[in-house]
Amino acid sequence: MPETSREIKLMVSCGSGIATSMVVVVKLKEKFAAEKLKVRIDTCSVNELSDRLGGYDIIVSTAKIPFNTTQAVFNAVPILTGVGEDALIASIIDKVKELANK
């Protein structure tokens, strides 16, 4: 599979920006590497999110985001529970590919 043409910036957020976001990051990095996708992943708390959105293409959050944004937003709870995880990760990968090849 060919590598994507540009690096995608993805922000993972959770309540504190530490614990559950790191679980999500580990799983996403593994899947992105298998697909040879160039994705930079950063983490933050939901409270910091509105101040840190600049330049990010995708948001993946374990908590509800309390504002509207133009970025693609994915609810990360399925990655934590395992219920619907494969479908969610497939949707995130599809969005990464779409944005990377624009």
Protein backbone atom coordinates (compact mmCIF):
# COMPACT_ATOMS: atom_id res chain seq x y z
CA MET A 1 0.00 0.00 0.00
CA PRO A 2 1.48 3.42 -0.90
CA GLU A 3 2.30 5.90 1.82
CA THR A 4 0.10 8.94 2.18
CA SER A 5 1.30 12.18 0.66
CA ARG A 6 1.16 14.46 3.71
CA GLU A 7 1.33 14.06 7.44
CA ILE A 8 -2.02 14.31 9.19
CA LYS A 9 -2.19 15.93 12.62
CA LEU A 10 -4.51 14.20 15.06
CA MET A 11 -5.39 15.32 18.59
CA VAL A 12 -6.55 12.77 21.14
CA SER A 13 -8.34 14.24 24.16
CA CYS A 14 -9.75 12.86 27.38
CA GLY A 15 -10.71 14.22 30.78
CA SER A 16 -7.13 14.75 31.97
CA GLY A 17 -5.14 14.39 28.75
CA ILE A 18 -3.07 11.60 30.28
CA ALA A 19 -4.56 8.20 31.06
CA THR A 20 -7.30 7.19 28.64
CA SER A 21 -5.92 9.31 25.82
CA MET A 22 -2.68 7.32 25.98
CA VAL A 23 -4.59 4.02 25.61
CA VAL A 24 -6.18 5.44 22.46
CA VAL A 25 -2.83 6.74 21.15
CA VAL A 26 -1.14 3.34 21.51
CA LYS A 27 -3.90 1.57 19.59
CA LEU A 28 -4.06 4.21 16.85
CA LYS A 29 -0.28 4.31 16.36
CA GLU A 30 -0.24 0.55 15.86
CA LYS A 31 -3.00 0.68 13.25
CA PHE A 32 -1.53 3.71 11.44
CA ALA A 33 1.88 2.01 11.24
CA ALA A 34 0.32 -1.12 9.76
CA GLU A 35 -1.32 1.05 7.08
CA LYS A 36 1.90 3.07 6.53
CA LEU A 37 0.07 6.29 7.35
CA LYS A 38 1.98 9.40 8.37
CA VAL A 39 0.08 10.72 11.38
CA ARG A 40 1.34 12.96 14.16
CA ILE A 41 -0.63 12.31 17.34
CA ASP A 42 -0.75 14.67 20.31
CA THR A 43 -2.83 14.56 23.48
CA CYS A 44 -4.59 17.07 25.70
CA SER A 45 -7.48 17.37 28.10
CA VAL A 46 -10.93 18.34 26.83
CA ASN A 47 -10.57 21.63 28.74
CA GLU A 48 -7.39 22.47 26.75
CA LEU A 49 -8.78 21.34 23.42
CA SER A 50 -10.30 24.60 22.17
CA ASP A 51 -6.98 26.41 22.72
CA ARG A 52 -4.92 23.68 21.01
CA LEU A 53 -6.94 22.94 17.86
CA GLY A 54 -4.96 25.10 15.44
CA GLY A 55 -3.44 23.03 12.68
CA TYR A 56 -5.03 19.71 13.64
CA ASP A 57 -6.97 17.75 11.05
CA ILE A 58 -8.79 15.23 13.24
CA ILE A 59 -9.96 15.08 16.85
CA VAL A 60 -10.46 11.77 18.66
CA SER A 61 -11.94 12.21 22.13
CA THR A 62 -13.04 9.97 24.97
CA ALA A 63 -15.18 12.81 26.35
CA LYS A 64 -17.88 15.00 24.82
CA ILE A 65 -16.44 18.07 23.14
CA PRO A 66 -18.36 21.12 24.43
CA PHE A 67 -18.01 23.26 21.28
CA ASN A 68 -18.40 23.09 17.51
CA THR A 69 -15.39 22.67 15.25
CA THR A 70 -14.66 22.25 11.57
CA GLN A 71 -12.30 19.30 12.18
CA ALA A 72 -13.48 15.73 11.86
CA VAL A 73 -14.40 14.49 15.36
CA PHE A 74 -14.53 10.85 16.47
CA ASN A 75 -15.83 9.50 19.80
CA ALA A 76 -13.03 7.24 21.13
CA VAL A 77 -15.10 5.30 23.66
CA PRO A 78 -15.28 2.20 21.38
CA ILE A 79 -11.47 2.02 21.45
CA LEU A 80 -11.59 1.88 25.24
CA THR A 81 -14.44 -0.64 25.49
CA GLY A 82 -13.63 -2.75 22.44
CA VAL A 83 -17.28 -2.57 21.34
CA GLY A 84 -17.25 -1.15 17.82
CA GLU A 85 -13.48 -0.57 17.97
CA ASP A 86 -12.66 -2.05 14.55
CA ALA A 87 -15.36 -0.03 12.79
CA LEU A 88 -14.28 3.19 14.49
CA ILE A 89 -10.60 2.70 13.68
CA ALA A 90 -11.52 1.88 10.07
CA SER A 91 -13.48 5.16 9.89
CA ILE A 92 -10.55 7.13 11.33
CA ILE A 93 -8.14 5.47 8.87
CA ASP A 94 -10.48 6.31 5.97
CA LYS A 95 -10.58 9.96 7.08
CA VAL A 96 -6.77 10.09 7.43
CA LYS A 97 -6.37 8.71 3.90
CA GLU A 98 -8.95 11.15 2.52
CA LEU A 99 -7.26 14.16 4.09
CA ALA A 100 -3.72 13.01 3.29
CA ASN A 101 -4.44 12.73 -0.39
CA LYS A 102 -6.22 16.06 -0.84
